[in-house]
Amino acid sequence: MASAIGIRTPINGVIGCLNLLLSHDQVAQQKQYAKLADASAHLLLGVINDILDFLKLSRAN
């Protein structure tokens, strides 16, 4: 499923950038926003993975 890589790569890039952002000093509100964005990106990646798994199982049947 080659398209799975194309779907996951952008969200992994966002997660990587957020990790870099969180590794630097920030004011409390900025850190809170970055943590929220990071948690949201991880949840979105989980949804994407679930959809791709479902599609893979659907094609097998």
C-alpha atoms as a PDB file:
ATOM      1  CA  MET A   1       0.000   0.000   0.000  1.00  0.00           C
ATOM      2  CA  ALA A   2       2.294   2.713  -1.320  1.00  0.00           C
ATOM      3  CA  SER A   3      -0.233   5.482  -0.712  1.00  0.00           C
ATOM      4  CA  ALA A   4      -0.073   4.804   3.046  1.00  0.00           C
ATOM      5  CA  ILE A   5       3.424   6.267   3.114  1.00  0.00           C
ATOM      6  CA  GLY A   6       2.196   9.392   1.333  1.00  0.00           C
ATOM      7  CA  ILE A   7      -0.563   9.830   3.887  1.00  0.00           C
ATOM      8  CA  ARG A   8       1.545   9.227   6.997  1.00  0.00           C
ATOM      9  CA  THR A   9       4.615  11.243   5.983  1.00  0.00           C
ATOM     10  CA  PRO A  10       3.094  14.737   6.377  1.00  0.00           C
ATOM     11  CA  ILE A  11       1.634  13.998   9.808  1.00  0.00           C
ATOM     12  CA  ASN A  12       4.937  12.474  10.932  1.00  0.00           C
ATOM     13  CA  GLY A  13       6.639  15.674   9.752  1.00  0.00           C
ATOM     14  CA  VAL A  14       4.243  17.723  11.874  1.00  0.00           C
ATOM     15  CA  ILE A  15       4.898  15.504  14.895  1.00  0.00           C
ATOM     16  CA  GLY A  16       8.658  15.845  14.385  1.00  0.00           C
ATOM     17  CA  CYS A  17       8.463  19.627  14.180  1.00  0.00           C
ATOM     18  CA  LEU A  18       6.306  19.765  17.295  1.00  0.00           C
ATOM     19  CA  ASN A  19       8.834  17.609  19.162  1.00  0.00           C
ATOM     20  CA  LEU A  20      11.577  20.052  18.160  1.00  0.00           C
ATOM     21  CA  LEU A  21       9.418  22.960  19.287  1.00  0.00           C
ATOM     22  CA  LEU A  22       8.708  21.297  22.625  1.00  0.00           C
ATOM     23  CA  SER A  23      12.419  20.692  23.219  1.00  0.00           C
ATOM     24  CA  HIS A  24      13.044  24.451  23.414  1.00  0.00           C
ATOM     25  CA  ASP A  25      12.104  26.952  26.098  1.00  0.00           C
ATOM     26  CA  GLN A  26       8.752  28.645  25.635  1.00  0.00           C
ATOM     27  CA  VAL A  27       6.292  30.641  27.654  1.00  0.00           C
ATOM     28  CA  ALA A  28       3.681  28.489  29.407  1.00  0.00           C
ATOM     29  CA  GLN A  29       0.860  29.255  26.978  1.00  0.00           C
ATOM     30  CA  GLN A  30       3.002  28.454  23.932  1.00  0.00           C
ATOM     31  CA  LYS A  31       4.072  25.158  25.497  1.00  0.00           C
ATOM     32  CA  GLN A  32       0.436  24.319  26.254  1.00  0.00           C
ATOM     33  CA  TYR A  33      -0.553  24.976  22.621  1.00  0.00           C
ATOM     34  CA  ALA A  34       2.364  22.911  21.312  1.00  0.00           C
ATOM     35  CA  LYS A  35       1.443  19.992  23.606  1.00  0.00           C
ATOM     36  CA  LEU A  36      -2.181  20.185  22.445  1.00  0.00           C
ATOM     37  CA  ALA A  37      -1.102  20.203  18.798  1.00  0.00           C
ATOM     38  CA  ASP A  38       1.237  17.248  19.434  1.00  0.00           C
ATOM     39  CA  ALA A  39      -1.497  15.230  21.142  1.00  0.00           C
ATOM     40  CA  SER A  40      -3.914  16.054  18.310  1.00  0.00           C
ATOM     41  CA  ALA A  41      -1.366  15.015  15.671  1.00  0.00           C
ATOM     42  CA  HIS A  42      -0.802  11.674  17.420  1.00  0.00           C
ATOM     43  CA  LEU A  43      -4.554  11.068  17.610  1.00  0.00           C
ATOM     44  CA  LEU A  44      -4.905  11.924  13.921  1.00  0.00           C
ATOM     45  CA  LEU A  45      -2.102   9.504  13.072  1.00  0.00           C
ATOM     46  CA  GLY A  46      -3.954   6.814  15.026  1.00  0.00           C
ATOM     47  CA  VAL A  47      -7.136   7.476  13.047  1.00  0.00           C
ATOM     48  CA  ILE A  48      -5.191   7.364   9.773  1.00  0.00           C
ATOM     49  CA  ASN A  49      -3.596   4.052  10.771  1.00  0.00           C
ATOM     50  CA  ASP A  50      -7.001   2.596  11.732  1.00  0.00           C
ATOM     51  CA  ILE A  51      -8.485   3.628   8.386  1.00  0.00           C
ATOM     52  CA  LEU A  52      -5.557   2.150   6.474  1.00  0.00           C
ATOM     53  CA  ASP A  53      -5.821  -1.101   8.470  1.00  0.00           C
ATOM     54  CA  PHE A  54      -9.551  -1.264   7.735  1.00  0.00           C
ATOM     55  CA  LEU A  55      -8.939  -0.704   4.020  1.00  0.00           C
ATOM     56  CA  LYS A  56      -6.272  -3.388   3.984  1.00  0.00           C
ATOM     57  CA  LEU A  57      -8.654  -5.883   5.629  1.00  0.00           C
ATOM     58  CA  SER A  58     -11.474  -4.887   3.277  1.00  0.00           C
ATOM     59  CA  ARG A  59      -9.303  -5.555   0.231  1.00  0.00           C
ATOM     60  CA  ALA A  60      -8.291  -8.964   1.578  1.00  0.00           C
ATOM     61  CA  ASN A  61     -11.917 -10.071   1.742  1.00  0.00           C
END
